[in-house]
Amino acid sequence: MFERVHFQDWQTVITIVAFLLCFSAFIFFCWRAIRMKKSERRHMSQLPLEDDEK
């Protein structure tokens, strides 16, 4: 069944670019979280996740 699936060159490039984009965003956010100041971490930890108004 999978023998019929043949990737074209442009499909491979799009797949690699999408992976690199997602991976670089992940690394960026991890780096930003690691370098965050303690005061910023404390502020972020106290933010509400949901609105109390319903």
Protein backbone atom coordinates (compact mmCIF):
# COMPACT_ATOMS: atom_id res chain seq x y z
CA MET A 1 0.00 0.00 0.00
CA PHE A 2 2.74 2.48 0.92
CA GLU A 3 4.74 1.59 -2.15
CA ARG A 4 2.35 3.75 -4.20
CA VAL A 5 3.09 6.89 -2.13
CA HIS A 6 5.91 8.84 -3.74
CA PHE A 7 6.88 12.23 -2.35
CA GLN A 8 7.78 14.93 -4.78
CA ASP A 9 10.80 17.11 -4.05
CA TRP A 10 8.71 20.12 -3.06
CA GLN A 11 6.66 18.04 -0.63
CA THR A 12 9.81 16.94 1.14
CA VAL A 13 11.03 20.53 1.38
CA ILE A 14 7.71 21.73 2.83
CA THR A 15 7.79 18.93 5.41
CA ILE A 16 11.33 19.79 6.49
CA VAL A 17 10.58 23.53 6.65
CA ALA A 18 7.45 22.91 8.75
CA PHE A 19 9.39 20.69 11.15
CA LEU A 20 12.21 23.22 11.48
CA LEU A 21 9.73 26.03 12.08
CA CYS A 22 7.94 24.14 14.85
CA PHE A 23 11.21 22.96 16.40
CA SER A 24 12.70 26.47 16.40
CA ALA A 25 9.52 27.88 18.03
CA PHE A 26 9.73 25.16 20.70
CA ILE A 27 13.40 25.94 21.39
CA PHE A 28 12.65 29.69 21.50
CA PHE A 29 9.89 29.30 24.07
CA CYS A 30 11.96 26.90 26.18
CA TRP A 31 14.91 29.31 26.11
CA ARG A 32 12.63 32.18 27.07
CA ALA A 33 11.12 30.22 29.96
CA ILE A 34 14.55 29.20 31.26
CA ARG A 35 15.88 32.77 31.18
CA MET A 36 12.79 34.29 32.82
CA LYS A 37 13.42 36.33 35.98
CA LYS A 38 12.06 35.06 39.29
CA SER A 39 9.71 38.04 39.60
CA GLU A 40 8.25 37.29 36.15
CA ARG A 41 7.82 33.61 37.07
CA ARG A 42 6.02 34.56 40.26
CA HIS A 43 3.74 36.93 38.35
CA MET A 44 2.94 34.29 35.71
CA SER A 45 2.20 31.65 38.34
CA GLN A 46 -0.42 33.89 39.97
CA LEU A 47 -2.33 34.72 36.78
CA PRO A 48 -5.83 33.20 36.67
CA LEU A 49 -6.40 30.51 34.06
CA GLU A 50 -10.17 31.09 33.79
CA ASP A 51 -12.49 34.03 34.23
CA ASP A 52 -14.57 34.01 37.40
CA GLU A 53 -17.48 35.65 35.59
CA LYS A 54 -19.97 33.17 34.11
